[in-house]
Amino acid sequence: MRLRRSEFKRIRSVLEDADTDGPLTAREILDVLEAHGEEFESAHRVATVLGRHAQAGDVEVIRDQPYRYRFPDATN
Protein backbone atom coordinates (compact mmCIF):
# COMPACT_ATOMS: atom_id res chain seq x y z
CA MET A 1 0.00 0.00 0.00
CA ARG A 2 2.91 2.34 0.59
CA LEU A 3 3.71 2.54 -3.15
CA ARG A 4 0.07 3.32 -3.98
CA ARG A 5 -0.03 6.03 -1.33
CA SER A 6 3.06 7.59 -2.86
CA GLU A 7 1.49 7.49 -6.32
CA PHE A 8 -1.69 9.07 -5.00
CA LYS A 9 0.26 11.85 -3.31
CA ARG A 10 2.14 12.52 -6.55
CA ILE A 11 -1.10 12.74 -8.53
CA ARG A 12 -2.77 15.00 -5.98
CA SER A 13 0.26 17.25 -5.65
CA VAL A 14 0.68 17.77 -9.40
CA LEU A 15 -3.02 18.49 -9.88
CA GLU A 16 -2.96 21.03 -7.05
CA ASP A 17 0.13 22.72 -8.53
CA ALA A 18 -1.45 22.71 -12.00
CA ASP A 19 -4.58 24.36 -10.57
CA THR A 20 -6.89 22.26 -12.72
CA ASP A 21 -10.61 22.99 -12.74
CA GLY A 22 -13.42 20.49 -12.63
CA PRO A 23 -13.37 16.72 -12.77
CA LEU A 24 -10.85 15.12 -15.12
CA THR A 25 -10.61 11.78 -16.90
CA ALA A 26 -7.69 9.46 -16.17
CA ARG A 27 -6.27 10.33 -19.62
CA GLU A 28 -6.48 14.07 -18.86
CA ILE A 29 -4.82 13.51 -15.49
CA LEU A 30 -2.07 11.48 -17.17
CA ASP A 31 -1.50 14.33 -19.64
CA VAL A 32 -1.19 16.84 -16.77
CA LEU A 33 1.22 14.52 -14.93
CA GLU A 34 3.41 14.10 -18.00
CA ALA A 35 3.39 17.86 -18.67
CA HIS A 36 4.78 18.30 -15.14
CA GLY A 37 7.50 15.67 -15.50
CA GLU A 38 5.76 12.85 -13.63
CA GLU A 39 5.80 9.46 -15.31
CA PHE A 40 3.02 6.93 -14.90
CA GLU A 41 2.57 3.65 -16.77
CA SER A 42 -0.79 4.53 -18.28
CA ALA A 43 -4.16 6.18 -17.80
CA HIS A 44 -5.31 2.77 -16.54
CA ARG A 45 -2.75 2.96 -13.71
CA VAL A 46 -3.96 6.46 -12.80
CA ALA A 47 -7.55 5.16 -12.71
CA THR A 48 -6.53 2.19 -10.58
CA VAL A 49 -4.76 4.37 -8.01
CA LEU A 50 -7.63 6.85 -7.85
CA GLY A 51 -10.26 4.11 -7.69
CA ARG A 52 -8.61 2.58 -4.66
CA HIS A 53 -8.47 5.93 -2.90
CA ALA A 54 -12.10 6.65 -3.75
CA GLN A 55 -13.05 3.85 -1.35
CA ALA A 56 -11.51 5.92 1.47
CA GLY A 57 -13.18 9.14 0.31
CA ASP A 58 -9.95 10.74 -0.88
CA VAL A 59 -11.32 11.24 -4.40
CA GLU A 60 -14.79 11.22 -5.94
CA VAL A 61 -15.45 9.06 -8.99
CA ILE A 62 -18.06 10.43 -11.37
CA ARG A 63 -19.31 7.36 -13.17
CA ASP A 64 -20.00 8.85 -16.58
CA GLN A 65 -18.40 7.62 -19.76
CA PRO A 66 -15.52 8.09 -19.43
CA TYR A 67 -15.17 8.14 -15.66
CA ARG A 68 -14.03 11.45 -14.22
CA TYR A 69 -12.25 12.11 -10.96
CA ARG A 70 -12.71 15.04 -8.59
CA PHE A 71 -10.70 15.76 -5.46
CA PRO A 72 -12.40 17.26 -2.42
CA ASP A 73 -11.02 20.65 -1.42
CA ALA A 74 -7.91 20.31 0.70
CA THR A 75 -8.41 21.64 4.21
CA ASN A 76 -4.81 21.48 5.45
PDB file of N, CA and C in Angstrom:
ATOM      1  N   MET A   1       0.820  -1.199   0.000  1.00  0.00           N
ATOM      2  CA  MET A   1       0.000   0.000   0.000  1.00  0.00           C
ATOM      3  C   MET A   1       0.861   1.259   0.000  1.00  0.00           C
ATOM      4  N   ARG A   2       2.041   1.174   0.506  1.00  0.00           N
ATOM      5  CA  ARG A   2       2.911   2.341   0.586  1.00  0.00           C
ATOM      6  C   ARG A   2       3.197   2.933  -0.800  1.00  0.00           C
ATOM      7  N   LEU A   3       3.452   2.066  -1.800  1.00  0.00           N
ATOM      8  CA  LEU A   3       3.712   2.544  -3.151  1.00  0.00           C
ATOM      9  C   LEU A   3       2.476   3.259  -3.695  1.00  0.00           C
ATOM     10  N   ARG A   4       1.300   2.694  -3.497  1.00  0.00           N
ATOM     11  CA  ARG A   4       0.066   3.322  -3.981  1.00  0.00           C
ATOM     12  C   ARG A   4      -0.151   4.679  -3.314  1.00  0.00           C
ATOM     13  N   ARG A   5       0.125   4.767  -2.039  1.00  0.00           N
ATOM     14  CA  ARG A   5      -0.032   6.034  -1.334  1.00  0.00           C
ATOM     15  C   ARG A   5       0.894   7.074  -1.951  1.00  0.00           C
ATOM     16  N   SER A   6       2.108   6.685  -2.238  1.00  0.00           N
ATOM     17  CA  SER A   6       3.064   7.588  -2.863  1.00  0.00           C
ATOM     18  C   SER A   6       2.567   8.045  -4.238  1.00  0.00           C
ATOM     19  N   GLU A   7       2.017   7.123  -5.009  1.00  0.00           N
ATOM     20  CA  GLU A   7       1.485   7.488  -6.321  1.00  0.00           C
ATOM     21  C   GLU A   7       0.313   8.451  -6.176  1.00  0.00           C
ATOM     22  N   PHE A   8      -0.556   8.187  -5.227  1.00  0.00           N
ATOM     23  CA  PHE A   8      -1.695   9.069  -4.998  1.00  0.00           C
ATOM     24  C   PHE A   8      -1.227  10.471  -4.607  1.00  0.00           C
ATOM     25  N   LYS A   9      -0.262  10.546  -3.722  1.00  0.00           N
ATOM     26  CA  LYS A   9       0.260  11.853  -3.307  1.00  0.00           C
ATOM     27  C   LYS A   9       0.868  12.600  -4.486  1.00  0.00           C
ATOM     28  N   ARG A  10       1.564  11.890  -5.360  1.00  0.00           N
ATOM     29  CA  ARG A  10       2.142  12.523  -6.555  1.00  0.00           C
ATOM     30  C   ARG A  10       1.047  13.076  -7.454  1.00  0.00           C
ATOM     31  N   ILE A  11       0.011  12.287  -7.688  1.00  0.00           N
ATOM     32  CA  ILE A  11      -1.098  12.743  -8.534  1.00  0.00           C
ATOM     33  C   ILE A  11      -1.747  13.974  -7.922  1.00  0.00           C
ATOM     34  N   ARG A  12      -2.083  13.894  -6.671  1.00  0.00           N
ATOM     35  CA  ARG A  12      -2.765  15.001  -5.982  1.00  0.00           C
ATOM     36  C   ARG A  12      -1.906  16.262  -5.990  1.00  0.00           C
ATOM     37  N   SER A  13      -0.644  16.112  -5.701  1.00  0.00           N
ATOM     38  CA  SER A  13       0.264  17.251  -5.650  1.00  0.00           C
ATOM     39  C   SER A  13       0.382  17.953  -7.003  1.00  0.00           C
ATOM     40  N   VAL A  14       0.549  17.183  -8.061  1.00  0.00           N
ATOM     41  CA  VAL A  14       0.679  17.774  -9.396  1.00  0.00           C
ATOM     42  C   VAL A  14      -0.607  18.482  -9.788  1.00  0.00           C
ATOM     43  N   LEU A  15      -1.752  17.858  -9.518  1.00  0.00           N
ATOM     44  CA  LEU A  15      -3.020  18.490  -9.882  1.00  0.00           C
ATOM     45  C   LEU A  15      -3.262  19.776  -9.091  1.00  0.00           C
ATOM     46  N   GLU A  16      -2.842  19.802  -7.832  1.00  0.00           N
ATOM     47  CA  GLU A  16      -2.961  21.029  -7.046  1.00  0.00           C
ATOM     48  C   GLU A  16      -2.051  22.112  -7.609  1.00  0.00           C
ATOM     49  N   ASP A  17      -0.820  21.752  -7.955  1.00  0.00           N
ATOM     50  CA  ASP A  17       0.126  22.716  -8.528  1.00  0.00           C
ATOM     51  C   ASP A  17      -0.344  23.224  -9.885  1.00  0.00           C
ATOM     52  N   ALA A  18      -0.983  22.336 -10.663  1.00  0.00           N
ATOM     53  CA  ALA A  18      -1.448  22.707 -12.000  1.00  0.00           C
ATOM     54  C   ALA A  18      -2.726  23.540 -11.938  1.00  0.00           C
ATOM     55  N   ASP A  19      -3.360  23.572 -10.776  1.00  0.00           N
ATOM     56  CA  ASP A  19      -4.576  24.357 -10.569  1.00  0.00           C
ATOM     57  C   ASP A  19      -5.633  24.019 -11.617  1.00  0.00           C
ATOM     58  N   THR A  20      -5.903  22.728 -11.759  1.00  0.00           N
ATOM     59  CA  THR A  20      -6.895  22.263 -12.722  1.00  0.00           C
ATOM     60  C   THR A  20      -8.297  22.527 -12.198  1.00  0.00           C
ATOM     61  N   ASP A  21      -9.226  22.743 -13.108  1.00  0.00           N
ATOM     62  CA  ASP A  21     -10.614  22.987 -12.739  1.00  0.00           C
ATOM     63  C   ASP A  21     -11.488  21.819 -13.145  1.00  0.00           C
ATOM     64  N   GLY A  22     -12.432  21.496 -12.296  1.00  0.00           N
ATOM     65  CA  GLY A  22     -13.418  20.487 -12.632  1.00  0.00           C
ATOM     66  C   GLY A  22     -12.878  19.077 -12.618  1.00  0.00           C
ATOM     67  N   PRO A  23     -13.781  18.130 -12.738  1.00  0.00           N
ATOM     68  CA  PRO A  23     -13.372  16.724 -12.774  1.00  0.00           C
ATOM     69  C   PRO A  23     -12.636  16.402 -14.067  1.00  0.00           C
ATOM     70  N   LEU A  24     -11.668  15.501 -13.973  1.00  0.00           N
ATOM     71  CA  LEU A  24     -10.845  15.116 -15.124  1.00  0.00           C
ATOM     72  C   LEU A  24     -10.903  13.616 -15.340  1.00  0.00           C
ATOM     73  N   THR A  25     -10.733  13.202 -16.588  1.00  0.00           N
ATOM     74  CA  THR A  25     -10.614  11.776 -16.896  1.00  0.00           C
ATOM     75  C   THR A  25      -9.206  11.313 -16.527  1.00  0.00           C
ATOM     76  N   ALA A  26      -9.022  10.016 -16.445  1.00  0.00           N
ATOM     77  CA  ALA A  26      -7.694   9.463 -16.167  1.00  0.00           C
ATOM     78  C   ALA A  26      -6.704   9.883 -17.253  1.00  0.00           C
ATOM     79  N   ARG A  27      -7.133   9.920 -18.512  1.00  0.00           N
ATOM     80  CA  ARG A  27      -6.268  10.334 -19.621  1.00  0.00           C
ATOM     81  C   ARG A  27      -5.858  11.799 -19.442  1.00  0.00           C
ATOM     82  N   GLU A  28      -6.795  12.660 -19.069  1.00  0.00           N
ATOM     83  CA  GLU A  28      -6.481  14.073 -18.855  1.00  0.00           C
ATOM     84  C   GLU A  28      -5.516  14.241 -17.689  1.00  0.00           C
ATOM     85  N   ILE A  29      -5.726  13.460 -16.638  1.00  0.00           N
ATOM     86  CA  ILE A  29      -4.815  13.512 -15.491  1.00  0.00           C
ATOM     87  C   ILE A  29      -3.430  13.045 -15.911  1.00  0.00           C
ATOM     88  N   LEU A  30      -3.359  11.970 -16.680  1.00  0.00           N
ATOM     89  CA  LEU A  30      -2.069  11.481 -17.167  1.00  0.00           C
ATOM     90  C   LEU A  30      -1.368  12.561 -17.986  1.00  0.00           C
ATOM     91  N   ASP A  31      -2.094  13.251 -18.832  1.00  0.00           N
ATOM     92  CA  ASP A  31      -1.501  14.331 -19.636  1.00  0.00           C
ATOM     93  C   ASP A  31      -0.934  15.439 -18.752  1.00  0.00           C
ATOM     94  N   VAL A  32      -1.666  15.809 -17.702  1.00  0.00           N
ATOM     95  CA  VAL A  32      -1.188  16.841 -16.767  1.00  0.00           C
ATOM     96  C   VAL A  32       0.070  16.343 -16.054  1.00  0.00           C
ATOM     97  N   LEU A  33       0.051  15.093 -15.602  1.00  0.00           N
ATOM     98  CA  LEU A  33       1.222  14.524 -14.926  1.00  0.00           C
ATOM     99  C   LEU A  33       2.452  14.566 -15.828  1.00  0.00           C
ATOM    100  N   GLU A  34       2.278  14.130 -17.068  1.00  0.00           N
ATOM    101  CA  GLU A  34       3.409  14.102 -18.000  1.00  0.00           C
ATOM    102  C   GLU A  34       3.902  15.508 -18.309  1.00  0.00           C
ATOM    103  N   ALA A  35       2.998  16.472 -18.414  1.00  0.00           N
ATOM    104  CA  ALA A  35       3.391  17.863 -18.670  1.00  0.00           C
ATOM    105  C   ALA A  35       4.196  18.445 -17.510  1.00  0.00           C
ATOM    106  N   HIS A  36       4.044  17.845 -16.323  1.00  0.00           N
ATOM    107  CA  HIS A  36       4.784  18.305 -15.144  1.00  0.00           C
ATOM    108  C   HIS A  36       5.927  17.369 -14.765  1.00  0.00           C
ATOM    109  N   GLY A  37       6.321  16.510 -15.708  1.00  0.00           N
ATOM    110  CA  GLY A  37       7.500  15.667 -15.503  1.00  0.00           C
ATOM    111  C   GLY A  37       7.288  14.432 -14.660  1.00  0.00           C
ATOM    112  N   GLU A  38       6.047  14.062 -14.395  1.00  0.00           N
ATOM    113  CA  GLU A  38       5.761  12.847 -13.627  1.00  0.00           C
ATOM    114  C   GLU A  38       5.416  11.727 -14.596  1.00  0.00           C
ATOM    115  N   GLU A  39       6.053  10.589 -14.424  1.00  0.00           N
ATOM    116  CA  GLU A  39       5.803   9.458 -15.310  1.00  0.00           C
ATOM    117  C   GLU A  39       4.907   8.432 -14.618  1.00  0.00           C
ATOM    118  N   PHE A  40       3.888   8.013 -15.326  1.00  0.00           N
ATOM    119  CA  PHE A  40       3.017   6.927 -14.896  1.00  0.00           C
ATOM    120  C   PHE A  40       2.911   5.955 -16.050  1.00  0.00           C
ATOM    121  N   GLU A  41       2.647   4.683 -15.743  1.00  0.00           N
ATOM    122  CA  GLU A  41       2.569   3.645 -16.771  1.00  0.00           C
ATOM    123  C   GLU A  41       1.522   3.958 -17.823  1.00  0.00           C
ATOM    124  N   SER A  42       0.335   4.372 -17.357  1.00  0.00           N
ATOM    125  CA  SER A  42      -0.786   4.531 -18.277  1.00  0.00           C
ATOM    126  C   SER A  42      -1.941   5.242 -17.578  1.00  0.00           C
ATOM    127  N   ALA A  43      -2.938   5.617 -18.372  1.00  0.00           N
ATOM    128  CA  ALA A  43      -4.163   6.177 -17.804  1.00  0.00           C
ATOM    129  C   ALA A  43      -4.859   5.121 -16.938  1.00  0.00           C
ATOM    130  N   HIS A  44      -4.718   3.859 -17.327  1.00  0.00           N
ATOM    131  CA  HIS A  44      -5.308   2.773 -16.540  1.00  0.00           C
ATOM    132  C   HIS A  44      -4.705   2.739 -15.135  1.00  0.00           C
ATOM    133  N   ARG A  45      -3.401   2.948 -15.031  1.00  0.00           N
ATOM    134  CA  ARG A  45      -2.751   2.955 -13.714  1.00  0.00           C
ATOM    135  C   ARG A  45      -3.262   4.129 -12.879  1.00  0.00           C
ATOM    136  N   VAL A  46      -3.414   5.289 -13.502  1.00  0.00           N
ATOM    137  CA  VAL A  46      -3.958   6.455 -12.800  1.00  0.00           C
ATOM    138  C   VAL A  46      -5.350   6.119 -12.272  1.00  0.00           C
ATOM    139  N   ALA A  47      -6.189   5.527 -13.113  1.00  0.00           N
ATOM    140  CA  ALA A  47      -7.546   5.162 -12.714  1.00  0.00           C
ATOM    141  C   ALA A  47      -7.548   4.146 -11.578  1.00  0.00           C
ATOM    142  N   THR A  48      -6.630   3.201 -11.632  1.00  0.00           N
ATOM    143  CA  THR A  48      -6.532   2.190 -10.579  1.00  0.00           C
ATOM    144  C   THR A  48      -6.179   2.826  -9.243  1.00  0.00           C
ATOM    145  N   VAL A  49      -5.183   3.690  -9.239  1.00  0.00           N
ATOM    146  CA  VAL A  49      -4.760   4.370  -8.010  1.00  0.00           C
ATOM    147  C   VAL A  49      -5.914   5.205  -7.455  1.00  0.00           C
ATOM    148  N   LEU A  50      -6.552   5.981  -8.311  1.00  0.00           N
ATOM    149  CA  LEU A  50      -7.632   6.849  -7.850  1.00  0.00           C
ATOM    150  C   LEU A  50      -8.848   6.048  -7.405  1.00  0.00           C
ATOM    151  N   GLY A  51      -9.141   4.958  -8.092  1.00  0.00           N
ATOM    152  CA  GLY A  51     -10.263   4.113  -7.694  1.00  0.00           C
ATOM    153  C   GLY A  51     -10.081   3.530  -6.305  1.00  0.00           C
ATOM    154  N   ARG A  52      -8.885   3.128  -5.994  1.00  0.00           N
ATOM    155  CA  ARG A  52      -8.611   2.579  -4.656  1.00  0.00           C
ATOM    156  C   ARG A  52      -8.767   3.649  -3.581  1.00  0.00           C
ATOM    157  N   HIS A  53      -8.365   4.851  -3.880  1.00  0.00           N
ATOM    158  CA  HIS A  53      -8.475   5.927  -2.896  1.00  0.00           C
ATOM    159  C   HIS A  53      -9.889   6.488  -2.802  1.00  0.00           C
ATOM    160  N   ALA A  54     -10.699   6.239  -3.804  1.00  0.00           N
ATOM    161  CA  ALA A  54     -12.101   6.651  -3.748  1.00  0.00           C
ATOM    162  C   ALA A  54     -12.831   5.890  -2.644  1.00  0.00           C
ATOM    163  N   GLN A  55     -12.428   4.660  -2.403  1.00  0.00           N
ATOM    164  CA  GLN A  55     -13.052   3.855  -1.346  1.00  0.00           C
ATOM    165  C   GLN A  55     -12.868   4.494   0.018  1.00  0.00           C
ATOM    166  N   ALA A  56     -11.790   5.244   0.200  1.00  0.00           N
ATOM    167  CA  ALA A  56     -11.514   5.916   1.469  1.00  0.00           C
ATOM    168  C   ALA A  56     -12.045   7.357   1.478  1.00  0.00           C
ATOM    169  N   GLY A  57     -12.638   7.783   0.373  1.00  0.00           N
ATOM    170  CA  GLY A  57     -13.185   9.137   0.309  1.00  0.00           C
ATOM    171  C   GLY A  57     -12.178  10.204  -0.068  1.00  0.00           C
ATOM    172  N   ASP A  58     -10.996   9.786  -0.512  1.00  0.00           N
ATOM    173  CA  ASP A  58      -9.954  10.743  -0.875  1.00  0.00           C
ATOM    174  C   ASP A  58     -10.191  11.384  -2.235  1.00  0.00           C
ATOM    175  N   VAL A  59     -11.018  10.747  -3.050  1.00  0.00           N
ATOM    176  CA  VAL A  59     -11.323  11.236  -4.395  1.00  0.00           C
ATOM    177  C   VAL A  59     -12.734  10.774  -4.749  1.00  0.00           C
ATOM    178  N   GLU A  60     -13.446  11.587  -5.501  1.00  0.00           N
ATOM    179  CA  GLU A  60     -14.793  11.225  -5.939  1.00  0.00           C
ATOM    180  C   GLU A  60     -14.731  10.727  -7.379  1.00  0.00           C
ATOM    181  N   VAL A  61     -15.375   9.602  -7.632  1.00  0.00           N
ATOM    182  CA  VAL A  61     -15.450   9.059  -8.985  1.00  0.00           C
ATOM    183  C   VAL A  61     -16.822   9.404  -9.551  1.00  0.00           C
ATOM    184  N   ILE A  62     -16.824  10.094 -10.667  1.00  0.00           N
ATOM    185  CA  ILE A  62     -18.063  10.427 -11.366  1.00  0.00           C
ATOM    186  C   ILE A  62     -18.209   9.387 -12.467  1.00  0.00           C
ATOM    187  N   ARG A  63     -19.180   8.547 -12.328  1.00  0.00           N
ATOM    188  CA  ARG A  63     -19.312   7.363 -13.171  1.00  0.00           C
ATOM    189  C   ARG A  63     -20.041   7.641 -14.480  1.00  0.00           C
ATOM    190  N   ASP A  64     -19.551   8.608 -15.216  1.00  0.00           N
ATOM    191  CA  ASP A  64     -19.998   8.855 -16.579  1.00  0.00           C
ATOM    192  C   ASP A  64     -19.118   8.045 -17.508  1.00  0.00           C
ATOM    193  N   GLN A  65     -19.291   8.227 -18.779  1.00  0.00           N
ATOM    194  CA  GLN A  65     -18.399   7.625 -19.762  1.00  0.00           C
ATOM    195  C   GLN A  65     -17.655   8.729 -20.475  1.00  0.00           C
ATOM    196  N   PRO A  66     -16.374   8.872 -20.332  1.00  0.00           N
ATOM    197  CA  PRO A  66     -15.520   8.093 -19.432  1.00  0.00           C
ATOM    198  C   PRO A  66     -15.650   8.584 -17.995  1.00  0.00           C
ATOM    199  N   TYR A  67     -15.186   7.737 -17.062  1.00  0.00           N
ATOM    200  CA  TYR A  67     -15.170   8.137 -15.655  1.00  0.00           C
ATOM    201  C   TYR A  67     -14.360   9.416 -15.515  1.00  0.00           C
ATOM    202  N   ARG A  68     -14.770  10.232 -14.567  1.00  0.00           N
ATOM    203  CA  ARG A  68     -14.032  11.449 -14.221  1.00  0.00           C
ATOM    204  C   ARG A  68     -13.746  11.420 -12.724  1.00  0.00           C
ATOM    205  N   TYR A  69     -12.702  12.116 -12.356  1.00  0.00           N
ATOM    206  CA  TYR A  69     -12.247  12.109 -10.957  1.00  0.00           C
ATOM    207  C   TYR A  69     -12.188  13.539 -10.445  1.00  0.00           C
ATOM    208  N   ARG A  70     -12.716  13.717  -9.217  1.00  0.00           N
ATOM    209  CA  ARG A  70     -12.705  15.039  -8.586  1.00  0.00           C
ATOM    210  C   ARG A  70     -12.156  14.876  -7.173  1.00  0.00           C
ATOM    211  N   PHE A  71     -11.277  15.781  -6.797  1.00  0.00           N
ATOM    212  CA  PHE A  71     -10.696  15.764  -5.456  1.00  0.00           C
ATOM    213  C   PHE A  71     -11.443  16.743  -4.576  1.00  0.00           C
ATOM    214  N   PRO A  72     -11.787  16.313  -3.354  1.00  0.00           N
ATOM    215  CA  PRO A  72     -12.404  17.262  -2.422  1.00  0.00           C
ATOM    216  C   PRO A  72     -11.408  18.376  -2.105  1.00  0.00           C
ATOM    217  N   ASP A  73     -11.911  19.543  -1.772  1.00  0.00           N
ATOM    218  CA  ASP A  73     -11.022  20.653  -1.424  1.00  0.00           C
ATOM    219  C   ASP A  73     -10.143  20.266  -0.249  1.00  0.00           C
ATOM    220  N   ALA A  74      -8.870  20.584  -0.383  1.00  0.00           N
ATOM    221  CA  ALA A  74      -7.914  20.311   0.701  1.00  0.00           C
ATOM    222  C   ALA A  74      -8.182  21.298   1.831  1.00  0.00           C
ATOM    223  N   THR A  75      -8.162  20.781   3.058  1.00  0.00           N
ATOM    224  CA  THR A  75      -8.406  21.640   4.213  1.00  0.00           C
ATOM    225  C   THR A  75      -7.157  21.859   5.043  1.00  0.00           C
ATOM    226  N   ASN A  76      -6.033  21.266   4.665  1.00  0.00           N
ATOM    227  CA  ASN A  76      -4.815  21.482   5.446  1.00  0.00           C
ATOM    228  C   ASN A  76      -3.801  22.231   4.654  1.00  0.00           C
TER     229      ASN A  76
END
